[in-house]
């Protein structure tokens, strides 16, 4: 039989062993980042429209997120993707929906990094985006289908200057779909109706790079909309009509003699217009101003000449 000479020291030893074992277990199961969907469960019926938010929790600072999701295209129709209030501000790959394959993908950066939600922060400071689904027609009476949305190969990069991949886990969502024919709910339409706030103010920047766009002048721009998200951008260059564009955009007028207007339009149709003033004046203006200057100089010389003649006559 084992005899313990100092029971007190033995109890202290056991205590520290338990503490270190607990900490080891906790941290060994804590992943650097977790991608998940919210809500993760629910029940919807034929014709319902609802939103599923893509969120991330992280224990380390990250700056790049690439996500790929799979959904059942025979049950759900992905009708939109809202970037409103997303922590991603630099979209490397805009959200892309492939309804036929049931795939959704996007990737983007977070300048200066994202280090997780601040304790006590009531805002959705970990939101990446929101997918808007509509329940498609399902055959069969009183049939219940299970619609599962899951992540495929996705990755998150640490904000360490080396592009190190973070340890990542993901949690999808499962929804029960009822084929009842009651009045469908459209959560997304209600959100759009309640959005009367235009996108955030933004700046239009003009650049010229010898290695890009054949050395031509181009503009870049970006903004956010915290409610329903940006739908598209439009641009008006001089007297030309408005056209839908994306950033970066090569200017048609390389002489830079036109004002450039860029319009940001959100999902609810609210607009924000910013203007980049012409950096140069048109050639005809220089000619006109030169001609007027010559006329003015001629008049001054003529008046001065007559004044001189009068002086000499007296």
C-alpha atoms as a PDB file:
ATOM      1  CA  UNK A   1       0.000   0.000   0.000  1.00  0.00           C
ATOM      2  CA  UNK A   2       1.337   3.433  -1.029  1.00  0.00           C
ATOM      3  CA  UNK A   3       1.922   5.764   1.886  1.00  0.00           C
ATOM      4  CA  UNK A   4       1.716   9.538   1.363  1.00  0.00           C
ATOM      5  CA  UNK A   5       4.212  11.272   3.585  1.00  0.00           C
ATOM      6  CA  UNK A   6       2.811  14.792   3.109  1.00  0.00           C
ATOM      7  CA  UNK A   7      -0.912  14.801   2.274  1.00  0.00           C
ATOM      8  CA  UNK A   8      -0.982  18.598   1.998  1.00  0.00           C
ATOM      9  CA  UNK A   9       1.720  18.740  -0.703  1.00  0.00           C
ATOM     10  CA  UNK A  10       0.022  15.881  -2.525  1.00  0.00           C
ATOM     11  CA  UNK A  11      -3.308  17.754  -2.619  1.00  0.00           C
ATOM     12  CA  UNK A  12      -1.583  20.848  -4.024  1.00  0.00           C
ATOM     13  CA  UNK A  13       0.067  18.698  -6.685  1.00  0.00           C
ATOM     14  CA  UNK A  14      -3.290  17.165  -7.661  1.00  0.00           C
ATOM     15  CA  UNK A  15      -4.836  20.651  -7.833  1.00  0.00           C
ATOM     16  CA  UNK A  16      -2.257  21.960 -10.304  1.00  0.00           C
ATOM     17  CA  UNK A  17      -2.481  18.808 -12.393  1.00  0.00           C
ATOM     18  CA  UNK A  18      -6.234  19.299 -12.706  1.00  0.00           C
ATOM     19  CA  UNK A  19      -5.885  22.994 -13.548  1.00  0.00           C
ATOM     20  CA  UNK A  20      -3.286  22.439 -16.284  1.00  0.00           C
ATOM     21  CA  UNK A  21      -5.275  19.519 -17.701  1.00  0.00           C
ATOM     22  CA  UNK A  22      -8.391  21.676 -17.903  1.00  0.00           C
ATOM     23  CA  UNK A  23      -6.545  24.527 -19.611  1.00  0.00           C
ATOM     24  CA  UNK A  24      -4.944  22.117 -22.061  1.00  0.00           C
ATOM     25  CA  UNK A  25      -8.314  20.644 -22.996  1.00  0.00           C
ATOM     26  CA  UNK A  26      -9.938  24.063 -23.356  1.00  0.00           C
ATOM     27  CA  UNK A  27      -7.270  25.571 -25.589  1.00  0.00           C
ATOM     28  CA  UNK A  28      -6.753  22.419 -27.617  1.00  0.00           C
ATOM     29  CA  UNK A  29     -10.402  22.512 -28.671  1.00  0.00           C
ATOM     30  CA  UNK A  30     -10.509  26.258 -29.276  1.00  0.00           C
ATOM     31  CA  UNK A  31     -10.160  27.002 -32.975  1.00  0.00           C
ATOM     32  CA  UNK A  32      -8.603  30.203 -34.230  1.00  0.00           C
ATOM     33  CA  UNK A  33     -11.706  30.979 -36.315  1.00  0.00           C
ATOM     34  CA  UNK A  34     -15.229  29.644 -36.709  1.00  0.00           C
ATOM     35  CA  UNK A  35     -17.455  30.310 -39.734  1.00  0.00           C
ATOM     36  CA  UNK A  36     -21.131  29.779 -39.017  1.00  0.00           C
ATOM     37  CA  UNK A  37     -24.645  30.550 -40.203  1.00  0.00           C
ATOM     38  CA  UNK A  38     -27.357  32.304 -38.240  1.00  0.00           C
ATOM     39  CA  UNK A  39     -30.032  31.139 -37.773  1.00  0.00           C
ATOM     40  CA  UNK A  40     -28.740  27.597 -37.853  1.00  0.00           C
ATOM     41  CA  UNK A  41     -32.221  26.050 -37.761  1.00  0.00           C
ATOM     42  CA  UNK A  42     -35.818  26.976 -38.390  1.00  0.00           C
ATOM     43  CA  UNK A  43     -38.979  26.123 -40.256  1.00  0.00           C
ATOM     44  CA  UNK A  44     -40.258  27.724 -43.443  1.00  0.00           C
ATOM     45  CA  UNK A  45     -43.019  27.017 -45.907  1.00  0.00           C
ATOM     46  CA  UNK A  46     -43.527  27.196 -49.639  1.00  0.00           C
ATOM     47  CA  UNK A  47     -42.967  30.739 -50.934  1.00  0.00           C
ATOM     48  CA  UNK A  48     -41.282  32.103 -47.805  1.00  0.00           C
ATOM     49  CA  UNK A  49     -38.315  34.435 -48.233  1.00  0.00           C
ATOM     50  CA  UNK A  50     -35.778  34.606 -45.424  1.00  0.00           C
ATOM     51  CA  UNK A  51     -32.217  35.673 -44.720  1.00  0.00           C
ATOM     52  CA  UNK A  52     -29.289  33.620 -43.449  1.00  0.00           C
ATOM     53  CA  UNK A  53     -26.343  35.560 -42.035  1.00  0.00           C
ATOM     54  CA  UNK A  54     -22.751  34.423 -42.468  1.00  0.00           C
ATOM     55  CA  UNK A  55     -20.706  35.242 -39.374  1.00  0.00           C
ATOM     56  CA  UNK A  56     -17.249  34.619 -38.015  1.00  0.00           C
ATOM     57  CA  UNK A  57     -15.804  34.299 -34.532  1.00  0.00           C
ATOM     58  CA  UNK A  58     -12.054  34.489 -34.142  1.00  0.00           C
ATOM     59  CA  UNK A  59      -9.496  34.341 -31.362  1.00  0.00           C
ATOM     60  CA  UNK A  60      -6.732  35.788 -33.541  1.00  0.00           C
ATOM     61  CA  UNK A  61      -6.507  38.821 -35.804  1.00  0.00           C
ATOM     62  CA  UNK A  62      -7.494  37.964 -39.386  1.00  0.00           C
ATOM     63  CA  UNK A  63      -7.624  39.984 -42.598  1.00  0.00           C
ATOM     64  CA  UNK A  64      -8.856  37.689 -45.402  1.00  0.00           C
ATOM     65  CA  UNK A  65     -11.903  35.442 -45.622  1.00  0.00           C
ATOM     66  CA  UNK A  66     -12.765  33.088 -48.463  1.00  0.00           C
ATOM     67  CA  UNK A  67     -16.059  31.243 -48.124  1.00  0.00           C
ATOM     68  CA  UNK A  68     -17.813  28.673 -50.292  1.00  0.00           C
ATOM     69  CA  UNK A  69     -21.266  27.370 -49.457  1.00  0.00           C
ATOM     70  CA  UNK A  70     -23.565  24.684 -50.830  1.00  0.00           C
ATOM     71  CA  UNK A  71     -27.373  24.722 -50.718  1.00  0.00           C
ATOM     72  CA  UNK A  72     -30.082  22.480 -52.257  1.00  0.00           C
ATOM     73  CA  UNK A  73     -31.124  24.285 -55.471  1.00  0.00           C
ATOM     74  CA  UNK A  74     -34.236  22.111 -55.840  1.00  0.00           C
ATOM     75  CA  UNK A  75     -35.602  23.419 -52.528  1.00  0.00           C
ATOM     76  CA  UNK A  76     -34.105  26.880 -52.069  1.00  0.00           C
ATOM     77  CA  UNK A  77     -33.516  29.710 -54.504  1.00  0.00           C
ATOM     78  CA  UNK A  78     -30.756  32.173 -53.574  1.00  0.00           C
ATOM     79  CA  UNK A  79     -32.222  35.436 -54.821  1.00  0.00           C
ATOM     80  CA  UNK A  80     -29.763  37.949 -53.374  1.00  0.00           C
ATOM     81  CA  UNK A  81     -26.673  38.557 -51.267  1.00  0.00           C
ATOM     82  CA  UNK A  82     -26.537  41.580 -48.971  1.00  0.00           C
ATOM     83  CA  UNK A  83     -23.184  43.123 -48.018  1.00  0.00           C
ATOM     84  CA  UNK A  84     -24.843  45.573 -45.635  1.00  0.00           C
ATOM     85  CA  UNK A  85     -22.893  46.036 -42.382  1.00  0.00           C
ATOM     86  CA  UNK A  86     -20.258  43.507 -43.469  1.00  0.00           C
ATOM     87  CA  UNK A  87     -16.832  43.722 -41.840  1.00  0.00           C
ATOM     88  CA  UNK A  88     -15.376  42.994 -45.294  1.00  0.00           C
ATOM     89  CA  UNK A  89     -14.642  46.283 -47.034  1.00  0.00           C
ATOM     90  CA  UNK A  90     -12.301  45.099 -49.790  1.00  0.00           C
ATOM     91  CA  UNK A  91     -14.064  42.514 -51.945  1.00  0.00           C
ATOM     92  CA  UNK A  92     -11.522  40.446 -53.858  1.00  0.00           C
ATOM     93  CA  UNK A  93     -14.305  38.343 -55.331  1.00  0.00           C
ATOM     94  CA  UNK A  94     -17.807  39.735 -55.238  1.00  0.00           C
ATOM     95  CA  UNK A  95     -20.464  37.339 -53.895  1.00  0.00           C
ATOM     96  CA  UNK A  96     -21.360  34.941 -56.698  1.00  0.00           C
ATOM     97  CA  UNK A  97     -24.501  32.792 -56.781  1.00  0.00           C
ATOM     98  CA  UNK A  98     -24.723  29.741 -59.023  1.00  0.00           C
ATOM     99  CA  UNK A  99     -28.329  28.649 -58.662  1.00  0.00           C
ATOM    100  CA  UNK A 100     -28.025  25.679 -60.982  1.00  0.00           C
ATOM    101  CA  UNK A 101     -25.210  24.125 -58.935  1.00  0.00           C
ATOM    102  CA  UNK A 102     -26.407  25.449 -55.585  1.00  0.00           C
ATOM    103  CA  UNK A 103     -23.122  27.214 -54.882  1.00  0.00           C
ATOM    104  CA  UNK A 104     -22.311  30.568 -53.291  1.00  0.00           C
ATOM    105  CA  UNK A 105     -18.789  31.935 -53.052  1.00  0.00           C
ATOM    106  CA  UNK A 106     -16.996  35.133 -52.119  1.00  0.00           C
ATOM    107  CA  UNK A 107     -13.680  36.381 -50.780  1.00  0.00           C
ATOM    108  CA  UNK A 108     -12.620  39.668 -49.302  1.00  0.00           C
ATOM    109  CA  UNK A 109     -10.189  41.526 -47.143  1.00  0.00           C
ATOM    110  CA  UNK A 110     -10.433  43.475 -43.913  1.00  0.00           C
ATOM    111  CA  UNK A 111      -7.844  46.300 -43.965  1.00  0.00           C
ATOM    112  CA  UNK A 112      -5.984  46.620 -40.637  1.00  0.00           C
ATOM    113  CA  UNK A 113      -7.413  43.241 -39.638  1.00  0.00           C
ATOM    114  CA  UNK A 114     -10.289  42.011 -37.518  1.00  0.00           C
ATOM    115  CA  UNK A 115      -9.586  40.661 -34.039  1.00  0.00           C
ATOM    116  CA  UNK A 116     -13.033  39.525 -32.935  1.00  0.00           C
ATOM    117  CA  UNK A 117     -16.069  41.062 -31.319  1.00  0.00           C
ATOM    118  CA  UNK A 118     -15.550  43.547 -28.533  1.00  0.00           C
ATOM    119  CA  UNK A 119     -17.002  42.287 -25.261  1.00  0.00           C
ATOM    120  CA  UNK A 120     -20.356  43.925 -24.620  1.00  0.00           C
ATOM    121  CA  UNK A 121     -20.704  45.246 -28.181  1.00  0.00           C
ATOM    122  CA  UNK A 122     -24.400  44.925 -29.133  1.00  0.00           C
ATOM    123  CA  UNK A 123     -23.687  45.492 -32.850  1.00  0.00           C
ATOM    124  CA  UNK A 124     -23.231  42.706 -35.390  1.00  0.00           C
ATOM    125  CA  UNK A 125     -19.518  43.353 -35.649  1.00  0.00           C
ATOM    126  CA  UNK A 126     -18.763  39.833 -36.932  1.00  0.00           C
ATOM    127  CA  UNK A 127     -21.086  39.805 -39.946  1.00  0.00           C
ATOM    128  CA  UNK A 128     -19.647  38.836 -43.335  1.00  0.00           C
ATOM    129  CA  UNK A 129     -22.853  38.968 -45.358  1.00  0.00           C
ATOM    130  CA  UNK A 130     -26.444  37.799 -45.640  1.00  0.00           C
ATOM    131  CA  UNK A 131     -27.876  35.349 -48.173  1.00  0.00           C
ATOM    132  CA  UNK A 132     -31.521  35.827 -49.156  1.00  0.00           C
ATOM    133  CA  UNK A 133     -33.304  32.549 -49.887  1.00  0.00           C
ATOM    134  CA  UNK A 134     -36.758  31.828 -51.237  1.00  0.00           C
ATOM    135  CA  UNK A 135     -38.403  28.439 -50.770  1.00  0.00           C
ATOM    136  CA  UNK A 136     -38.985  26.893 -54.185  1.00  0.00           C
ATOM    137  CA  UNK A 137     -42.020  24.857 -55.137  1.00  0.00           C
ATOM    138  CA  UNK A 138     -42.003  21.367 -53.638  1.00  0.00           C
ATOM    139  CA  UNK A 139     -44.157  18.591 -55.027  1.00  0.00           C
ATOM    140  CA  UNK A 140     -46.309  16.441 -52.781  1.00  0.00           C
ATOM    141  CA  UNK A 141     -48.895  17.316 -50.158  1.00  0.00           C
ATOM    142  CA  UNK A 142     -47.836  17.901 -46.551  1.00  0.00           C
ATOM    143  CA  UNK A 143     -44.321  16.950 -47.504  1.00  0.00           C
ATOM    144  CA  UNK A 144     -41.436  17.987 -45.266  1.00  0.00           C
ATOM    145  CA  UNK A 145     -38.039  18.538 -46.824  1.00  0.00           C
ATOM    146  CA  UNK A 146     -34.833  19.236 -44.978  1.00  0.00           C
ATOM    147  CA  UNK A 147     -32.795  22.012 -46.570  1.00  0.00           C
ATOM    148  CA  UNK A 148     -29.181  21.900 -45.466  1.00  0.00           C
ATOM    149  CA  UNK A 149     -26.734  24.743 -46.111  1.00  0.00           C
ATOM    150  CA  UNK A 150     -23.117  23.881 -45.480  1.00  0.00           C
ATOM    151  CA  UNK A 151     -19.644  25.272 -46.016  1.00  0.00           C
ATOM    152  CA  UNK A 152     -17.328  23.726 -48.562  1.00  0.00           C
ATOM    153  CA  UNK A 153     -13.593  24.404 -48.768  1.00  0.00           C
ATOM    154  CA  UNK A 154     -13.176  27.790 -47.092  1.00  0.00           C
ATOM    155  CA  UNK A 155     -10.216  29.554 -45.547  1.00  0.00           C
ATOM    156  CA  UNK A 156      -9.296  32.451 -43.276  1.00  0.00           C
ATOM    157  CA  UNK A 157      -5.887  34.142 -43.292  1.00  0.00           C
ATOM    158  CA  UNK A 158      -4.223  35.673 -40.258  1.00  0.00           C
ATOM    159  CA  UNK A 159      -3.264  39.335 -40.173  1.00  0.00           C
ATOM    160  CA  UNK A 160       0.416  38.497 -39.689  1.00  0.00           C
ATOM    161  CA  UNK A 161       1.849  39.836 -42.932  1.00  0.00           C
ATOM    162  CA  UNK A 162       2.598  36.310 -44.169  1.00  0.00           C
ATOM    163  CA  UNK A 163      -0.866  35.086 -45.192  1.00  0.00           C
ATOM    164  CA  UNK A 164      -0.823  32.267 -42.649  1.00  0.00           C
ATOM    165  CA  UNK A 165      -3.942  30.103 -42.738  1.00  0.00           C
ATOM    166  CA  UNK A 166      -5.928  30.127 -39.512  1.00  0.00           C
ATOM    167  CA  UNK A 167      -7.256  26.920 -38.021  1.00  0.00           C
ATOM    168  CA  UNK A 168     -10.858  26.967 -39.168  1.00  0.00           C
ATOM    169  CA  UNK A 169     -14.045  25.126 -38.353  1.00  0.00           C
ATOM    170  CA  UNK A 170     -17.487  25.785 -39.743  1.00  0.00           C
ATOM    171  CA  UNK A 171     -21.097  25.230 -38.781  1.00  0.00           C
ATOM    172  CA  UNK A 172     -23.848  25.115 -41.358  1.00  0.00           C
ATOM    173  CA  UNK A 173     -27.628  25.256 -41.005  1.00  0.00           C
ATOM    174  CA  UNK A 174     -30.611  22.956 -41.448  1.00  0.00           C
ATOM    175  CA  UNK A 175     -34.163  24.108 -42.109  1.00  0.00           C
ATOM    176  CA  UNK A 176     -37.418  22.207 -42.228  1.00  0.00           C
ATOM    177  CA  UNK A 177     -39.444  23.117 -45.300  1.00  0.00           C
ATOM    178  CA  UNK A 178     -43.209  22.653 -45.217  1.00  0.00           C
ATOM    179  CA  UNK A 179     -45.258  22.581 -48.415  1.00  0.00           C
ATOM    180  CA  UNK A 180     -48.201  24.428 -46.872  1.00  0.00           C
ATOM    181  CA  UNK A 181     -50.007  26.978 -49.004  1.00  0.00           C
ATOM    182  CA  UNK A 182     -50.498  29.740 -46.471  1.00  0.00           C
ATOM    183  CA  UNK A 183     -49.586  33.384 -46.998  1.00  0.00           C
ATOM    184  CA  UNK A 184     -45.818  33.349 -47.568  1.00  0.00           C
ATOM    185  CA  UNK A 185     -43.519  35.555 -45.512  1.00  0.00           C
ATOM    186  CA  UNK A 186     -41.033  37.842 -47.225  1.00  0.00           C
ATOM    187  CA  UNK A 187     -38.530  39.068 -44.638  1.00  0.00           C
ATOM    188  CA  UNK A 188     -36.237  40.542 -47.275  1.00  0.00           C
ATOM    189  CA  UNK A 189     -38.945  42.699 -48.839  1.00  0.00           C
ATOM    190  CA  UNK A 190     -39.810  44.078 -45.406  1.00  0.00           C
ATOM    191  CA  UNK A 191     -36.167  44.989 -44.821  1.00  0.00           C
ATOM    192  CA  UNK A 192     -35.984  46.747 -48.181  1.00  0.00           C
ATOM    193  CA  UNK A 193     -39.175  48.686 -47.499  1.00  0.00           C
ATOM    194  CA  UNK A 194     -37.844  49.955 -44.191  1.00  0.00           C
ATOM    195  CA  UNK A 195     -34.499  51.068 -45.669  1.00  0.00           C
ATOM    196  CA  UNK A 196     -34.628  54.795 -46.482  1.00  0.00           C
ATOM    197  CA  UNK A 197     -30.982  55.604 -45.724  1.00  0.00           C
ATOM    198  CA  UNK A 198     -28.570  56.178 -48.649  1.00  0.00           C
ATOM    199  CA  UNK A 199     -25.135  54.561 -48.850  1.00  0.00           C
ATOM    200  CA  UNK A 200     -22.196  56.067 -46.978  1.00  0.00           C
ATOM    201  CA  UNK A 201     -20.270  59.002 -48.475  1.00  0.00           C
ATOM    202  CA  UNK A 202     -17.229  57.978 -50.502  1.00  0.00           C
ATOM    203  CA  UNK A 203     -14.303  59.348 -52.498  1.00  0.00           C
ATOM    204  CA  UNK A 204     -13.516  58.927 -56.177  1.00  0.00           C
ATOM    205  CA  UNK A 205      -9.780  58.471 -56.734  1.00  0.00           C
ATOM    206  CA  UNK A 206      -8.063  58.874 -60.090  1.00  0.00           C
ATOM    207  CA  UNK A 207      -4.857  56.990 -60.901  1.00  0.00           C
ATOM    208  CA  UNK A 208      -2.523  56.131 -63.743  1.00  0.00           C
ATOM    209  CA  UNK A 209      -0.323  53.039 -63.728  1.00  0.00           C
ATOM    210  CA  UNK A 210       2.093  52.223 -66.529  1.00  0.00           C
ATOM    211  CA  UNK A 211       1.615  48.503 -65.884  1.00  0.00           C
ATOM    212  CA  UNK A 212      -2.200  48.505 -65.792  1.00  0.00           C
ATOM    213  CA  UNK A 213      -4.818  49.440 -68.394  1.00  0.00           C
ATOM    214  CA  UNK A 214      -2.123  50.331 -70.943  1.00  0.00           C
ATOM    215  CA  UNK A 215      -1.112  53.344 -68.884  1.00  0.00           C
ATOM    216  CA  UNK A 216      -4.554  54.969 -69.125  1.00  0.00           C
ATOM    217  CA  UNK A 217      -6.233  56.999 -66.379  1.00  0.00           C
ATOM    218  CA  UNK A 218      -8.745  55.061 -64.290  1.00  0.00           C
ATOM    219  CA  UNK A 219     -10.886  55.704 -61.234  1.00  0.00           C
ATOM    220  CA  UNK A 220     -11.469  53.621 -58.123  1.00  0.00           C
ATOM    221  CA  UNK A 221     -14.286  53.943 -55.611  1.00  0.00           C
ATOM    222  CA  UNK A 222     -15.984  51.978 -52.874  1.00  0.00           C
ATOM    223  CA  UNK A 223     -18.578  52.519 -50.184  1.00  0.00           C
ATOM    224  CA  UNK A 224     -20.847  50.603 -47.851  1.00  0.00           C
ATOM    225  CA  UNK A 225     -24.517  50.546 -46.984  1.00  0.00           C
ATOM    226  CA  UNK A 226     -25.253  49.429 -43.426  1.00  0.00           C
ATOM    227  CA  UNK A 227     -28.882  48.507 -44.070  1.00  0.00           C
ATOM    228  CA  UNK A 228     -29.504  46.400 -47.184  1.00  0.00           C
ATOM    229  CA  UNK A 229     -26.091  46.684 -48.861  1.00  0.00           C
ATOM    230  CA  UNK A 230     -24.823  48.108 -52.154  1.00  0.00           C
ATOM    231  CA  UNK A 231     -26.626  46.861 -55.247  1.00  0.00           C
ATOM    232  CA  UNK A 232     -24.555  48.528 -57.988  1.00  0.00           C
ATOM    233  CA  UNK A 233     -22.663  51.632 -59.122  1.00  0.00           C
ATOM    234  CA  UNK A 234     -23.408  53.969 -62.009  1.00  0.00           C
ATOM    235  CA  UNK A 235     -21.195  56.591 -63.649  1.00  0.00           C
ATOM    236  CA  UNK A 236     -21.760  59.694 -65.755  1.00  0.00           C
ATOM    237  CA  UNK A 237     -18.746  61.127 -67.568  1.00  0.00           C
ATOM    238  CA  UNK A 238     -19.348  64.611 -68.925  1.00  0.00           C
ATOM    239  CA  UNK A 239     -22.485  64.727 -71.072  1.00  0.00           C
ATOM    240  CA  UNK A 240     -22.604  60.965 -71.563  1.00  0.00           C
ATOM    241  CA  UNK A 241     -25.540  58.965 -70.206  1.00  0.00           C
ATOM    242  CA  UNK A 242     -25.395  57.076 -66.909  1.00  0.00           C
ATOM    243  CA  UNK A 243     -23.962  53.565 -67.221  1.00  0.00           C
ATOM    244  CA  UNK A 244     -23.503  50.717 -64.752  1.00  0.00           C
ATOM    245  CA  UNK A 245     -19.842  50.179 -63.883  1.00  0.00           C
ATOM    246  CA  UNK A 246     -17.539  48.473 -61.398  1.00  0.00           C
ATOM    247  CA  UNK A 247     -14.326  49.634 -59.763  1.00  0.00           C
ATOM    248  CA  UNK A 248     -11.720  50.123 -61.177  1.00  0.00           C
ATOM    249  CA  UNK A 249     -13.018  51.853 -64.312  1.00  0.00           C
ATOM    250  CA  UNK A 250     -10.947  53.239 -67.229  1.00  0.00           C
ATOM    251  CA  UNK A 251     -12.096  56.736 -68.177  1.00  0.00           C
ATOM    252  CA  UNK A 252     -13.237  57.299 -71.737  1.00  0.00           C
ATOM    253  CA  UNK A 253     -12.060  60.901 -71.640  1.00  0.00           C
ATOM    254  CA  UNK A 254      -8.326  60.532 -71.104  1.00  0.00           C
ATOM    255  CA  UNK A 255      -7.947  64.285 -71.440  1.00  0.00           C
ATOM    256  CA  UNK A 256      -9.566  64.596 -67.983  1.00  0.00           C
ATOM    257  CA  UNK A 257     -11.662  67.537 -69.145  1.00  0.00           C
ATOM    258  CA  UNK A 258     -15.013  66.197 -67.901  1.00  0.00           C
ATOM    259  CA  UNK A 259     -16.572  66.056 -64.465  1.00  0.00           C
ATOM    260  CA  UNK A 260     -17.072  62.436 -63.358  1.00  0.00           C
ATOM    261  CA  UNK A 261     -20.128  61.499 -61.293  1.00  0.00           C
ATOM    262  CA  UNK A 262     -20.382  58.130 -59.548  1.00  0.00           C
ATOM    263  CA  UNK A 263     -23.681  56.967 -58.090  1.00  0.00           C
ATOM    264  CA  UNK A 264     -23.895  54.240 -55.434  1.00  0.00           C
ATOM    265  CA  UNK A 265     -27.296  52.526 -55.323  1.00  0.00           C
ATOM    266  CA  UNK A 266     -28.344  50.239 -52.468  1.00  0.00           C
ATOM    267  CA  UNK A 267     -30.764  47.291 -52.589  1.00  0.00           C
ATOM    268  CA  UNK A 268     -33.680  49.573 -51.671  1.00  0.00           C
ATOM    269  CA  UNK A 269     -32.896  52.041 -54.465  1.00  0.00           C
ATOM    270  CA  UNK A 270     -31.441  54.776 -52.244  1.00  0.00           C
ATOM    271  CA  UNK A 271     -28.673  56.715 -53.973  1.00  0.00           C
ATOM    272  CA  UNK A 272     -25.493  58.561 -53.078  1.00  0.00           C
ATOM    273  CA  UNK A 273     -23.740  60.623 -55.786  1.00  0.00           C
ATOM    274  CA  UNK A 274     -20.153  61.847 -55.529  1.00  0.00           C
ATOM    275  CA  UNK A 275     -18.354  64.079 -58.039  1.00  0.00           C
ATOM    276  CA  UNK A 276     -14.772  64.209 -59.266  1.00  0.00           C
ATOM    277  CA  UNK A 277     -14.173  67.624 -60.821  1.00  0.00           C
ATOM    278  CA  UNK A 278     -12.409  67.897 -64.176  1.00  0.00           C
ATOM    279  CA  UNK A 279      -8.670  68.145 -63.685  1.00  0.00           C
ATOM    280  CA  UNK A 280      -8.094  70.023 -66.948  1.00  0.00           C
ATOM    281  CA  UNK A 281      -9.985  72.577 -69.022  1.00  0.00           C
ATOM    282  CA  UNK A 282     -11.028  71.781 -72.617  1.00  0.00           C
ATOM    283  CA  UNK A 283      -8.763  73.116 -75.387  1.00  0.00           C
ATOM    284  CA  UNK A 284     -11.535  75.290 -76.791  1.00  0.00           C
ATOM    285  CA  UNK A 285     -11.708  77.136 -73.471  1.00  0.00           C
ATOM    286  CA  UNK A 286      -8.004  77.990 -73.676  1.00  0.00           C
ATOM    287  CA  UNK A 287      -8.515  79.198 -77.244  1.00  0.00           C
ATOM    288  CA  UNK A 288     -11.533  81.280 -76.238  1.00  0.00           C
ATOM    289  CA  UNK A 289      -9.761  82.770 -73.235  1.00  0.00           C
ATOM    290  CA  UNK A 290      -6.718  83.542 -75.407  1.00  0.00           C
ATOM    291  CA  UNK A 291      -8.893  85.219 -78.028  1.00  0.00           C
ATOM    292  CA  UNK A 292     -10.653  87.314 -75.377  1.00  0.00           C
ATOM    293  CA  UNK A 293      -7.299  88.231 -73.883  1.00  0.00           C
ATOM    294  CA  UNK A 294      -6.057  89.435 -77.288  1.00  0.00           C
ATOM    295  CA  UNK A 295      -9.188  91.557 -77.756  1.00  0.00           C
ATOM    296  CA  UNK A 296      -8.738  93.051 -74.281  1.00  0.00           C
ATOM    297  CA  UNK A 297      -5.071  93.796 -74.926  1.00  0.00           C
ATOM    298  CA  UNK A 298      -5.939  95.410 -78.295  1.00  0.00           C
ATOM    299  CA  UNK A 299      -8.562  97.642 -76.648  1.00  0.00           C
ATOM    300  CA  UNK A 300      -6.127  98.687 -73.932  1.00  0.00           C
ATOM    301  CA  UNK A 301      -3.418  99.471 -76.509  1.00  0.00           C
ATOM    302  CA  UNK A 302      -5.857 101.444 -78.627  1.00  0.00           C
ATOM    303  CA  UNK A 303      -7.104 103.470 -75.654  1.00  0.00           C
ATOM    304  CA  UNK A 304      -3.553 104.069 -74.485  1.00  0.00           C
ATOM    305  CA  UNK A 305      -2.451 105.130 -77.997  1.00  0.00           C
ATOM    306  CA  UNK A 306      -5.259 107.695 -78.293  1.00  0.00           C
ATOM    307  CA  UNK A 307      -4.381 109.040 -74.867  1.00  0.00           C
ATOM    308  CA  UNK A 308      -0.739 109.449 -75.884  1.00  0.00           C
ATOM    309  CA  UNK A 309      -1.703 111.266 -79.108  1.00  0.00           C
ATOM    310  CA  UNK A 310      -3.896 113.713 -77.185  1.00  0.00           C
ATOM    311  CA  UNK A 311      -1.017 114.504 -74.857  1.00  0.00           C
ATOM    312  CA  UNK A 312       1.318 115.284 -77.740  1.00  0.00           C
ATOM    313  CA  UNK A 313      -1.293 117.475 -79.485  1.00  0.00           C
ATOM    314  CA  UNK A 314      -1.602 119.658 -76.400  1.00  0.00           C
END
